[in-house]
Amino acid sequence: MKILLDIDDTAIITKDRGKTWQEHPRLKELIEKHEIYLYSGNPDIDNYHEKWKTKGYIPKGFSSIPKADVLIDNNFDLHKTDVEVKKCYSSIDTFFRFNKNKKSL
């Protein structure tokens, strides 16, 4: 499954209002099981792409419309018109919860 994944507050999360950040506990699992393309406004998107070994990355605001099966973004409602996807989820946890019985997982 091809997934566009946001970085801030989605792939990396904070529990102390931005003082510290950590990778989402299921990020590695998501990357192992799916074709992940980072889709983010984070200025370090290329570094995260290399660190996590994702399939690629697309900065938000890119001139063409990215296509995928899914968008996972905590603010997907602000970006769902900028992409062509079948489904949107607000978090990695929500994605796994709604897709736990699908054969592609």
PDB file of N, CA and C in Angstrom:
ATOM      1  N   MET A   1       0.845  -1.170   0.000  1.00  0.00           N
ATOM      2  CA  MET A   1       0.000   0.000   0.000  1.00  0.00           C
ATOM      3  C   MET A   1       0.897   1.242   0.000  1.00  0.00           C
ATOM      4  N   LYS A   2       0.637   2.154  -0.897  1.00  0.00           N
ATOM      5  CA  LYS A   2       1.419   3.400  -0.973  1.00  0.00           C
ATOM      6  C   LYS A   2       0.811   4.426  -0.017  1.00  0.00           C
ATOM      7  N   ILE A   3       1.668   4.955   0.874  1.00  0.00           N
ATOM      8  CA  ILE A   3       1.213   5.876   1.914  1.00  0.00           C
ATOM      9  C   ILE A   3       2.041   7.150   1.883  1.00  0.00           C
ATOM     10  N   LEU A   4       1.335   8.291   1.936  1.00  0.00           N
ATOM     11  CA  LEU A   4       1.974   9.585   2.157  1.00  0.00           C
ATOM     12  C   LEU A   4       1.930   9.844   3.658  1.00  0.00           C
ATOM     13  N   LEU A   5       3.088  10.072   4.266  1.00  0.00           N
ATOM     14  CA  LEU A   5       3.177  10.193   5.719  1.00  0.00           C
ATOM     15  C   LEU A   5       3.750  11.541   6.120  1.00  0.00           C
ATOM     16  N   ASP A   6       3.014  12.260   6.940  1.00  0.00           N
ATOM     17  CA  ASP A   6       3.494  13.516   7.513  1.00  0.00           C
ATOM     18  C   ASP A   6       4.515  13.214   8.611  1.00  0.00           C
ATOM     19  N   ILE A   7       5.401  14.163   8.881  1.00  0.00           N
ATOM     20  CA  ILE A   7       6.423  13.956   9.909  1.00  0.00           C
ATOM     21  C   ILE A   7       5.975  14.505  11.265  1.00  0.00           C
ATOM     22  N   ASP A   8       5.814  15.835  11.361  1.00  0.00           N
ATOM     23  CA  ASP A   8       5.556  16.478  12.653  1.00  0.00           C
ATOM     24  C   ASP A   8       4.178  16.144  13.203  1.00  0.00           C
ATOM     25  N   ASP A   9       4.147  15.671  14.438  1.00  0.00           N
ATOM     26  CA  ASP A   9       2.928  15.271  15.154  1.00  0.00           C
ATOM     27  C   ASP A   9       2.239  14.067  14.528  1.00  0.00           C
ATOM     28  N   THR A  10       2.964  13.355  13.652  1.00  0.00           N
ATOM     29  CA  THR A  10       2.435  12.132  13.053  1.00  0.00           C
ATOM     30  C   THR A  10       3.488  11.029  13.129  1.00  0.00           C
ATOM     31  N   ALA A  11       4.586  11.160  12.390  1.00  0.00           N
ATOM     32  CA  ALA A  11       5.675  10.168  12.460  1.00  0.00           C
ATOM     33  C   ALA A  11       6.558  10.409  13.676  1.00  0.00           C
ATOM     34  N   ILE A  12       6.738  11.670  14.025  1.00  0.00           N
ATOM     35  CA  ILE A  12       7.391  11.995  15.299  1.00  0.00           C
ATOM     36  C   ILE A  12       6.363  12.737  16.134  1.00  0.00           C
ATOM     37  N   ILE A  13       6.346  12.419  17.417  1.00  0.00           N
ATOM     38  CA  ILE A  13       5.325  12.970  18.302  1.00  0.00           C
ATOM     39  C   ILE A  13       5.968  13.554  19.557  1.00  0.00           C
ATOM     40  N   THR A  14       5.229  14.428  20.197  1.00  0.00           N
ATOM     41  CA  THR A  14       5.682  15.039  21.441  1.00  0.00           C
ATOM     42  C   THR A  14       4.612  14.849  22.511  1.00  0.00           C
ATOM     43  N   LYS A  15       5.060  14.689  23.713  1.00  0.00           N
ATOM     44  CA  LYS A  15       4.130  14.567  24.837  1.00  0.00           C
ATOM     45  C   LYS A  15       4.313  15.712  25.821  1.00  0.00           C
ATOM     46  N   ASP A  16       5.243  16.630  25.490  1.00  0.00           N
ATOM     47  CA  ASP A  16       5.523  17.743  26.397  1.00  0.00           C
ATOM     48  C   ASP A  16       5.493  19.085  25.663  1.00  0.00           C
ATOM     49  N   ARG A  17       4.545  19.205  24.751  1.00  0.00           N
ATOM     50  CA  ARG A  17       4.312  20.439  23.995  1.00  0.00           C
ATOM     51  C   ARG A  17       5.520  20.911  23.198  1.00  0.00           C
ATOM     52  N   GLY A  18       6.236  19.970  22.622  1.00  0.00           N
ATOM     53  CA  GLY A  18       7.313  20.307  21.714  1.00  0.00           C
ATOM     54  C   GLY A  18       8.693  20.447  22.318  1.00  0.00           C
ATOM     55  N   LYS A  19       8.832  20.186  23.609  1.00  0.00           N
ATOM     56  CA  LYS A  19      10.168  20.259  24.222  1.00  0.00           C
ATOM     57  C   LYS A  19      11.043  19.114  23.730  1.00  0.00           C
ATOM     58  N   THR A  20      10.455  17.937  23.628  1.00  0.00           N
ATOM     59  CA  THR A  20      11.167  16.771  23.110  1.00  0.00           C
ATOM     60  C   THR A  20      10.263  16.049  22.111  1.00  0.00           C
ATOM     61  N   TRP A  21      10.893  15.353  21.171  1.00  0.00           N
ATOM     62  CA  TRP A  21      10.174  14.613  20.135  1.00  0.00           C
ATOM     63  C   TRP A  21      10.691  13.189  20.107  1.00  0.00           C
ATOM     64  N   GLN A  22       9.820  12.258  19.785  1.00  0.00           N
ATOM     65  CA  GLN A  22      10.232  10.865  19.634  1.00  0.00           C
ATOM     66  C   GLN A  22       9.496  10.249  18.457  1.00  0.00           C
ATOM     67  N   GLU A  23      10.097   9.233  17.883  1.00  0.00           N
ATOM     68  CA  GLU A  23       9.445   8.528  16.788  1.00  0.00           C
ATOM     69  C   GLU A  23       8.202   7.826  17.318  1.00  0.00           C
ATOM     70  N   HIS A  24       7.181   7.794  16.493  1.00  0.00           N
ATOM     71  CA  HIS A  24       5.966   7.066  16.854  1.00  0.00           C
ATOM     72  C   HIS A  24       6.355   5.614  17.098  1.00  0.00           C
ATOM     73  N   PRO A  25       5.810   4.976  18.143  1.00  0.00           N
ATOM     74  CA  PRO A  25       6.200   3.594  18.464  1.00  0.00           C
ATOM     75  C   PRO A  25       5.958   2.575  17.348  1.00  0.00           C
ATOM     76  N   ARG A  26       5.044   2.859  16.431  1.00  0.00           N
ATOM     77  CA  ARG A  26       4.749   1.909  15.354  1.00  0.00           C
ATOM     78  C   ARG A  26       5.271   2.377  13.994  1.00  0.00           C
ATOM     79  N   LEU A  27       6.130   3.409  14.004  1.00  0.00           N
ATOM     80  CA  LEU A  27       6.666   3.938  12.752  1.00  0.00           C
ATOM     81  C   LEU A  27       7.440   2.887  11.973  1.00  0.00           C
ATOM     82  N   LYS A  28       8.338   2.188  12.615  1.00  0.00           N
ATOM     83  CA  LYS A  28       9.155   1.164  11.929  1.00  0.00           C
ATOM     84  C   LYS A  28       8.268   0.083  11.320  1.00  0.00           C
ATOM     85  N   GLU A  29       7.258  -0.337  12.059  1.00  0.00           N
ATOM     86  CA  GLU A  29       6.319  -1.346  11.562  1.00  0.00           C
ATOM     87  C   GLU A  29       5.614  -0.848  10.299  1.00  0.00           C
ATOM     88  N   LEU A  30       5.184   0.403  10.320  1.00  0.00           N
ATOM     89  CA  LEU A  30       4.516   0.989   9.158  1.00  0.00           C
ATOM     90  C   LEU A  30       5.449   0.992   7.951  1.00  0.00           C
ATOM     91  N   ILE A  31       6.699   1.405   8.156  1.00  0.00           N
ATOM     92  CA  ILE A  31       7.673   1.472   7.066  1.00  0.00           C
ATOM     93  C   ILE A  31       7.996   0.080   6.526  1.00  0.00           C
ATOM     94  N   GLU A  32       8.076  -0.903   7.406  1.00  0.00           N
ATOM     95  CA  GLU A  32       8.378  -2.274   6.973  1.00  0.00           C
ATOM     96  C   GLU A  32       7.253  -2.886   6.145  1.00  0.00           C
ATOM     97  N   LYS A  33       6.015  -2.544   6.460  1.00  0.00           N
ATOM     98  CA  LYS A  33       4.872  -3.194   5.829  1.00  0.00           C
ATOM     99  C   LYS A  33       4.312  -2.461   4.620  1.00  0.00           C
ATOM    100  N   HIS A  34       4.719  -1.207   4.424  1.00  0.00           N
ATOM    101  CA  HIS A  34       4.107  -0.406   3.360  1.00  0.00           C
ATOM    102  C   HIS A  34       5.139   0.411   2.602  1.00  0.00           C
ATOM    103  N   GLU A  35       4.703   0.937   1.483  1.00  0.00           N
ATOM    104  CA  GLU A  35       5.528   1.794   0.627  1.00  0.00           C
ATOM    105  C   GLU A  35       5.311   3.235   1.109  1.00  0.00           C
ATOM    106  N   ILE A  36       6.256   3.747   1.898  1.00  0.00           N
ATOM    107  CA  ILE A  36       6.084   5.038   2.559  1.00  0.00           C
ATOM    108  C   ILE A  36       6.834   6.144   1.821  1.00  0.00           C
ATOM    109  N   TYR A  37       6.110   7.219   1.545  1.00  0.00           N
ATOM    110  CA  TYR A  37       6.674   8.452   1.007  1.00  0.00           C
ATOM    111  C   TYR A  37       6.379   9.546   2.022  1.00  0.00           C
ATOM    112  N   LEU A  38       7.402  10.212   2.504  1.00  0.00           N
ATOM    113  CA  LEU A  38       7.190  11.307   3.433  1.00  0.00           C
ATOM    114  C   LEU A  38       6.561  12.468   2.674  1.00  0.00           C
ATOM    115  N   TYR A  39       5.545  13.055   3.272  1.00  0.00           N
ATOM    116  CA  TYR A  39       4.845  14.199   2.696  1.00  0.00           C
ATOM    117  C   TYR A  39       4.703  15.211   3.818  1.00  0.00           C
ATOM    118  N   SER A  40       5.597  16.204   3.819  1.00  0.00           N
ATOM    119  CA  SER A  40       5.690  17.066   4.994  1.00  0.00           C
ATOM    120  C   SER A  40       6.268  18.430   4.636  1.00  0.00           C
ATOM    121  N   GLY A  41       5.996  19.383   5.510  1.00  0.00           N
ATOM    122  CA  GLY A  41       6.590  20.701   5.412  1.00  0.00           C
ATOM    123  C   GLY A  41       7.835  20.817   6.271  1.00  0.00           C
ATOM    124  N   ASN A  42       8.229  19.740   6.922  1.00  0.00           N
ATOM    125  CA  ASN A  42       9.408  19.752   7.785  1.00  0.00           C
ATOM    126  C   ASN A  42      10.650  20.048   6.931  1.00  0.00           C
ATOM    127  N   PRO A  43      11.467  21.035   7.340  1.00  0.00           N
ATOM    128  CA  PRO A  43      12.642  21.385   6.533  1.00  0.00           C
ATOM    129  C   PRO A  43      13.704  20.283   6.467  1.00  0.00           C
ATOM    130  N   ASP A  44      13.633  19.302   7.363  1.00  0.00           N
ATOM    131  CA  ASP A  44      14.590  18.198   7.382  1.00  0.00           C
ATOM    132  C   ASP A  44      14.027  16.931   6.742  1.00  0.00           C
ATOM    133  N   ILE A  45      13.057  17.069   5.860  1.00  0.00           N
ATOM    134  CA  ILE A  45      12.385  15.916   5.257  1.00  0.00           C
ATOM    135  C   ILE A  45      13.378  14.966   4.594  1.00  0.00           C
ATOM    136  N   ASP A  46      14.397  15.511   3.933  1.00  0.00           N
ATOM    137  CA  ASP A  46      15.381  14.642   3.274  1.00  0.00           C
ATOM    138  C   ASP A  46      16.192  13.842   4.286  1.00  0.00           C
ATOM    139  N   ASN A  47      16.500  14.424   5.432  1.00  0.00           N
ATOM    140  CA  ASN A  47      17.223  13.700   6.484  1.00  0.00           C
ATOM    141  C   ASN A  47      16.375  12.566   7.064  1.00  0.00           C
ATOM    142  N   TYR A  48      15.076  12.824   7.294  1.00  0.00           N
ATOM    143  CA  TYR A  48      14.194  11.766   7.797  1.00  0.00           C
ATOM    144  C   TYR A  48      14.042  10.653   6.762  1.00  0.00           C
ATOM    145  N   HIS A  49      13.958  11.029   5.498  1.00  0.00           N
ATOM    146  CA  HIS A  49      13.875  10.026   4.424  1.00  0.00           C
ATOM    147  C   HIS A  49      15.091   9.092   4.478  1.00  0.00           C
ATOM    148  N   GLU A  50      16.273   9.650   4.610  1.00  0.00           N
ATOM    149  CA  GLU A  50      17.491   8.831   4.678  1.00  0.00           C
ATOM    150  C   GLU A  50      17.540   8.004   5.962  1.00  0.00           C
ATOM    151  N   LYS A  51      17.197   8.613   7.086  1.00  0.00           N
ATOM    152  CA  LYS A  51      17.242   7.926   8.381  1.00  0.00           C
ATOM    153  C   LYS A  51      16.278   6.737   8.412  1.00  0.00           C
ATOM    154  N   TRP A  52      15.054   6.955   7.933  1.00  0.00           N
ATOM    155  CA  TRP A  52      14.029   5.908   8.006  1.00  0.00           C
ATOM    156  C   TRP A  52      14.017   5.005   6.776  1.00  0.00           C
ATOM    157  N   LYS A  53      14.782   5.351   5.754  1.00  0.00           N
ATOM    158  CA  LYS A  53      14.847   4.565   4.521  1.00  0.00           C
ATOM    159  C   LYS A  53      13.466   4.386   3.877  1.00  0.00           C
ATOM    160  N   THR A  54      12.757   5.506   3.737  1.00  0.00           N
ATOM    161  CA  THR A  54      11.461   5.478   3.072  1.00  0.00           C
ATOM    162  C   THR A  54      11.675   5.420   1.560  1.00  0.00           C
ATOM    163  N   LYS A  55      10.623   5.192   0.824  1.00  0.00           N
ATOM    164  CA  LYS A  55      10.710   5.071  -0.637  1.00  0.00           C
ATOM    165  C   LYS A  55      11.023   6.410  -1.306  1.00  0.00           C
ATOM    166  N   GLY A  56      10.676   7.504  -0.636  1.00  0.00           N
ATOM    167  CA  GLY A  56      10.917   8.827  -1.195  1.00  0.00           C
ATOM    168  C   GLY A  56      10.300   9.891  -0.310  1.00  0.00           C
ATOM    169  N   TYR A  57      10.336  11.131  -0.810  1.00  0.00           N
ATOM    170  CA  TYR A  57       9.707  12.214  -0.057  1.00  0.00           C
ATOM    171  C   TYR A  57       9.217  13.299  -1.003  1.00  0.00           C
ATOM    172  N   ILE A  58       8.172  13.981  -0.564  1.00  0.00           N
ATOM    173  CA  ILE A  58       7.553  15.051  -1.334  1.00  0.00           C
ATOM    174  C   ILE A  58       7.281  16.196  -0.360  1.00  0.00           C
ATOM    175  N   PRO A  59       7.951  17.327  -0.540  1.00  0.00           N
ATOM    176  CA  PRO A  59       7.673  18.462   0.340  1.00  0.00           C
ATOM    177  C   PRO A  59       6.255  18.989   0.107  1.00  0.00           C
ATOM    178  N   LYS A  60       5.554  19.354   1.180  1.00  0.00           N
ATOM    179  CA  LYS A  60       4.230  19.964   1.018  1.00  0.00           C
ATOM    180  C   LYS A  60       4.407  21.260   0.250  1.00  0.00           C
ATOM    181  N   GLY A  61       3.470  21.522  -0.648  1.00  0.00           N
ATOM    182  CA  GLY A  61       3.563  22.699  -1.492  1.00  0.00           C
ATOM    183  C   GLY A  61       4.243  22.422  -2.821  1.00  0.00           C
ATOM    184  N   PHE A  62       4.636  21.159  -3.042  1.00  0.00           N
ATOM    185  CA  PHE A  62       5.248  20.750  -4.309  1.00  0.00           C
ATOM    186  C   PHE A  62       4.265  21.035  -5.440  1.00  0.00           C
ATOM    187  N   SER A  63       4.744  21.351  -6.604  1.00  0.00           N
ATOM    188  CA  SER A  63       3.883  21.815  -7.692  1.00  0.00           C
ATOM    189  C   SER A  63       2.913  20.762  -8.230  1.00  0.00           C
ATOM    190  N   SER A  64       3.265  19.485  -8.183  1.00  0.00           N
ATOM    191  CA  SER A  64       2.337  18.466  -8.687  1.00  0.00           C
ATOM    192  C   SER A  64       1.561  17.838  -7.516  1.00  0.00           C
ATOM    193  N   ILE A  65       0.485  17.158  -7.858  1.00  0.00           N
ATOM    194  CA  ILE A  65      -0.378  16.533  -6.842  1.00  0.00           C
ATOM    195  C   ILE A  65       0.080  15.097  -6.614  1.00  0.00           C
ATOM    196  N   PRO A  66       0.569  14.789  -5.395  1.00  0.00           N
ATOM    197  CA  PRO A  66       0.999  13.414  -5.097  1.00  0.00           C
ATOM    198  C   PRO A  66      -0.190  12.450  -5.098  1.00  0.00           C
ATOM    199  N   LYS A  67       0.059  11.222  -5.554  1.00  0.00           N
ATOM    200  CA  LYS A  67      -0.979  10.186  -5.588  1.00  0.00           C
ATOM    201  C   LYS A  67      -0.535   9.027  -4.712  1.00  0.00           C
ATOM    202  N   ALA A  68      -1.475   8.491  -3.944  1.00  0.00           N
ATOM    203  CA  ALA A  68      -1.199   7.345  -3.077  1.00  0.00           C
ATOM    204  C   ALA A  68      -2.527   6.709  -2.687  1.00  0.00           C
ATOM    205  N   ASP A  69      -2.427   5.601  -1.970  1.00  0.00           N
ATOM    206  CA  ASP A  69      -3.635   4.968  -1.450  1.00  0.00           C
ATOM    207  C   ASP A  69      -4.134   5.697  -0.210  1.00  0.00           C
ATOM    208  N   VAL A  70      -3.174   6.178   0.602  1.00  0.00           N
ATOM    209  CA  VAL A  70      -3.513   6.715   1.924  1.00  0.00           C
ATOM    210  C   VAL A  70      -2.662   7.939   2.248  1.00  0.00           C
ATOM    211  N   LEU A  71      -3.255   8.880   2.971  1.00  0.00           N
ATOM    212  CA  LEU A  71      -2.540   9.991   3.593  1.00  0.00           C
ATOM    213  C   LEU A  71      -2.687   9.844   5.099  1.00  0.00           C
ATOM    214  N   ILE A  72      -1.557   9.838   5.813  1.00  0.00           N
ATOM    215  CA  ILE A  72      -1.585   9.843   7.278  1.00  0.00           C
ATOM    216  C   ILE A  72      -0.967  11.160   7.718  1.00  0.00           C
ATOM    217  N   ASP A  73      -1.803  12.014   8.325  1.00  0.00           N
ATOM    218  CA  ASP A  73      -1.387  13.363   8.700  1.00  0.00           C
ATOM    219  C   ASP A  73      -2.309  13.843   9.806  1.00  0.00           C
ATOM    220  N   ASN A  74      -1.725  14.341  10.904  1.00  0.00           N
ATOM    221  CA  ASN A  74      -2.567  14.807  12.003  1.00  0.00           C
ATOM    222  C   ASN A  74      -3.476  15.959  11.561  1.00  0.00           C
ATOM    223  N   ASN A  75      -3.116  16.663  10.506  1.00  0.00           N
ATOM    224  CA  ASN A  75      -3.943  17.737   9.948  1.00  0.00           C
ATOM    225  C   ASN A  75      -4.411  17.391   8.536  1.00  0.00           C
ATOM    226  N   PHE A  76      -4.824  16.149   8.331  1.00  0.00           N
ATOM    227  CA  PHE A  76      -5.178  15.718   6.975  1.00  0.00           C
ATOM    228  C   PHE A  76      -6.286  16.566   6.378  1.00  0.00           C
ATOM    229  N   ASP A  77      -7.179  17.104   7.203  1.00  0.00           N
ATOM    230  CA  ASP A  77      -8.270  17.914   6.680  1.00  0.00           C
ATOM    231  C   ASP A  77      -7.760  19.178   5.977  1.00  0.00           C
ATOM    232  N   LEU A  78      -6.579  19.660   6.341  1.00  0.00           N
ATOM    233  CA  LEU A  78      -5.988  20.834   5.695  1.00  0.00           C
ATOM    234  C   LEU A  78      -5.273  20.481   4.389  1.00  0.00           C
ATOM    235  N   HIS A  79      -4.931  19.204   4.209  1.00  0.00           N
ATOM    236  CA  HIS A  79      -4.099  18.811   3.073  1.00  0.00           C
ATOM    237  C   HIS A  79      -4.746  17.807   2.126  1.00  0.00           C
ATOM    238  N   LYS A  80      -5.933  17.293   2.458  1.00  0.00           N
ATOM    239  CA  LYS A  80      -6.524  16.249   1.618  1.00  0.00           C
ATOM    240  C   LYS A  80      -6.900  16.732   0.222  1.00  0.00           C
ATOM    241  N   THR A  81      -7.046  18.038   0.043  1.00  0.00           N
ATOM    242  CA  THR A  81      -7.333  18.546  -1.302  1.00  0.00           C
ATOM    243  C   THR A  81      -6.049  18.758  -2.114  1.00  0.00           C
ATOM    244  N   ASP A  82      -4.896  18.644  -1.464  1.00  0.00           N
ATOM    245  CA  ASP A  82      -3.604  18.814  -2.140  1.00  0.00           C
ATOM    246  C   ASP A  82      -3.030  17.498  -2.647  1.00  0.00           C
ATOM    247  N   VAL A  83      -3.723  16.392  -2.348  1.00  0.00           N
ATOM    248  CA  VAL A  83      -3.250  15.065  -2.724  1.00  0.00           C
ATOM    249  C   VAL A  83      -4.391  14.279  -3.352  1.00  0.00           C
ATOM    250  N   GLU A  84      -4.036  13.204  -4.034  1.00  0.00           N
ATOM    251  CA  GLU A  84      -5.040  12.300  -4.582  1.00  0.00           C
ATOM    252  C   GLU A  84      -4.892  10.964  -3.866  1.00  0.00           C
ATOM    253  N   VAL A  85      -5.782  10.712  -2.898  1.00  0.00           N
ATOM    254  CA  VAL A  85      -5.723   9.496  -2.093  1.00  0.00           C
ATOM    255  C   VAL A  85      -7.128   8.916  -1.934  1.00  0.00           C
ATOM    256  N   LYS A  86      -7.178   7.641  -1.547  1.00  0.00           N
ATOM    257  CA  LYS A  86      -8.457   6.977  -1.326  1.00  0.00           C
ATOM    258  C   LYS A  86      -8.951   7.185   0.104  1.00  0.00           C
ATOM    259  N   LYS A  87      -8.006   7.239   1.062  1.00  0.00           N
ATOM    260  CA  LYS A  87      -8.359   7.367   2.480  1.00  0.00           C
ATOM    261  C   LYS A  87      -7.389   8.296   3.177  1.00  0.00           C
ATOM    262  N   CYS A  88      -7.867   8.946   4.239  1.00  0.00           N
ATOM    263  CA  CYS A  88      -7.028   9.794   5.091  1.00  0.00           C
ATOM    264  C   CYS A  88      -7.195   9.346   6.538  1.00  0.00           C
ATOM    265  N   TYR A  89      -6.085   9.380   7.275  1.00  0.00           N
ATOM    266  CA  TYR A  89      -6.096   9.036   8.697  1.00  0.00           C
ATOM    267  C   TYR A  89      -5.315  10.099   9.458  1.00  0.00           C
ATOM    268  N   SER A  90      -5.736  10.370  10.681  1.00  0.00           N
ATOM    269  CA  SER A  90      -5.105  11.417  11.485  1.00  0.00           C
ATOM    270  C   SER A  90      -3.881  10.940  12.247  1.00  0.00           C
ATOM    271  N   SER A  91      -3.666   9.625  12.297  1.00  0.00           N
ATOM    272  CA  SER A  91      -2.503   9.108  13.030  1.00  0.00           C
ATOM    273  C   SER A  91      -2.149   7.711  12.535  1.00  0.00           C
ATOM    274  N   ILE A  92      -0.942   7.297  12.880  1.00  0.00           N
ATOM    275  CA  ILE A  92      -0.503   5.941  12.561  1.00  0.00           C
ATOM    276  C   ILE A  92      -1.365   4.934  13.312  1.00  0.00           C
ATOM    277  N   ASP A  93      -1.685   5.227  14.558  1.00  0.00           N
ATOM    278  CA  ASP A  93      -2.546   4.334  15.346  1.00  0.00           C
ATOM    279  C   ASP A  93      -3.915   4.164  14.692  1.00  0.00           C
ATOM    280  N   THR A  94      -4.501   5.258  14.242  1.00  0.00           N
ATOM    281  CA  THR A  94      -5.815   5.188  13.591  1.00  0.00           C
ATOM    282  C   THR A  94      -5.732   4.362  12.314  1.00  0.00           C
ATOM    283  N   PHE A  95      -4.679   4.548  11.546  1.00  0.00           N
ATOM    284  CA  PHE A  95      -4.489   3.755  10.334  1.00  0.00           C
ATOM    285  C   PHE A  95      -4.469   2.269  10.664  1.00  0.00           C
ATOM    286  N   PHE A  96      -3.665   1.868  11.641  1.00  0.00           N
ATOM    287  CA  PHE A  96      -3.586   0.455  12.010  1.00  0.00           C
ATOM    288  C   PHE A  96      -4.912  -0.059  12.568  1.00  0.00           C
ATOM    289  N   ARG A  97      -5.596   0.741  13.357  1.00  0.00           N
ATOM    290  CA  ARG A  97      -6.870   0.323  13.941  1.00  0.00           C
ATOM    291  C   ARG A  97      -7.900   0.029  12.851  1.00  0.00           C
ATOM    292  N   PHE A  98      -7.981   0.882  11.852  1.00  0.00           N
ATOM    293  CA  PHE A  98      -8.992   0.709  10.807  1.00  0.00           C
ATOM    294  C   PHE A  98      -8.576  -0.281   9.726  1.00  0.00           C
ATOM    295  N   ASN A  99      -7.319  -0.713   9.724  1.00  0.00           N
ATOM    296  CA  ASN A  99      -6.825  -1.646   8.711  1.00  0.00           C
ATOM    297  C   ASN A  99      -6.300  -2.954   9.302  1.00  0.00           C
ATOM    298  N   LYS A 100      -6.644  -3.242  10.534  1.00  0.00           N
ATOM    299  CA  LYS A 100      -6.067  -4.417  11.206  1.00  0.00           C
ATOM    300  C   LYS A 100      -6.470  -5.737  10.576  1.00  0.00           C
ATOM    301  N   ASN A 101      -7.587  -5.787   9.901  1.00  0.00           N
ATOM    302  CA  ASN A 101      -8.032  -7.048   9.300  1.00  0.00           C
ATOM    303  C   ASN A 101      -7.790  -7.131   7.805  1.00  0.00           C
ATOM    304  N   LYS A 102      -7.144  -6.114   7.245  1.00  0.00           N
ATOM    305  CA  LYS A 102      -6.865  -6.121   5.808  1.00  0.00           C
ATOM    306  C   LYS A 102      -5.691  -7.043   5.514  1.00  0.00           C
ATOM    307  N   LYS A 103      -5.751  -7.749   4.415  1.00  0.00           N
ATOM    308  CA  LYS A 103      -4.707  -8.707   4.061  1.00  0.00           C
ATOM    309  C   LYS A 103      -3.380  -8.029   3.720  1.00  0.00           C
ATOM    310  N   SER A 104      -3.407  -6.750   3.298  1.00  0.00           N
ATOM    311  CA  SER A 104      -2.175  -6.065   2.935  1.00  0.00           C
ATOM    312  C   SER A 104      -1.315  -5.752   4.158  1.00  0.00           C
ATOM    313  N   LEU A 105      -1.886  -5.838   5.338  1.00  0.00           N
ATOM    314  CA  LEU A 105      -1.100  -5.601   6.554  1.00  0.00           C
ATOM    315  C   LEU A 105      -0.502  -6.891   6.937  1.00  0.00           C
TER     316      LEU A 105
END
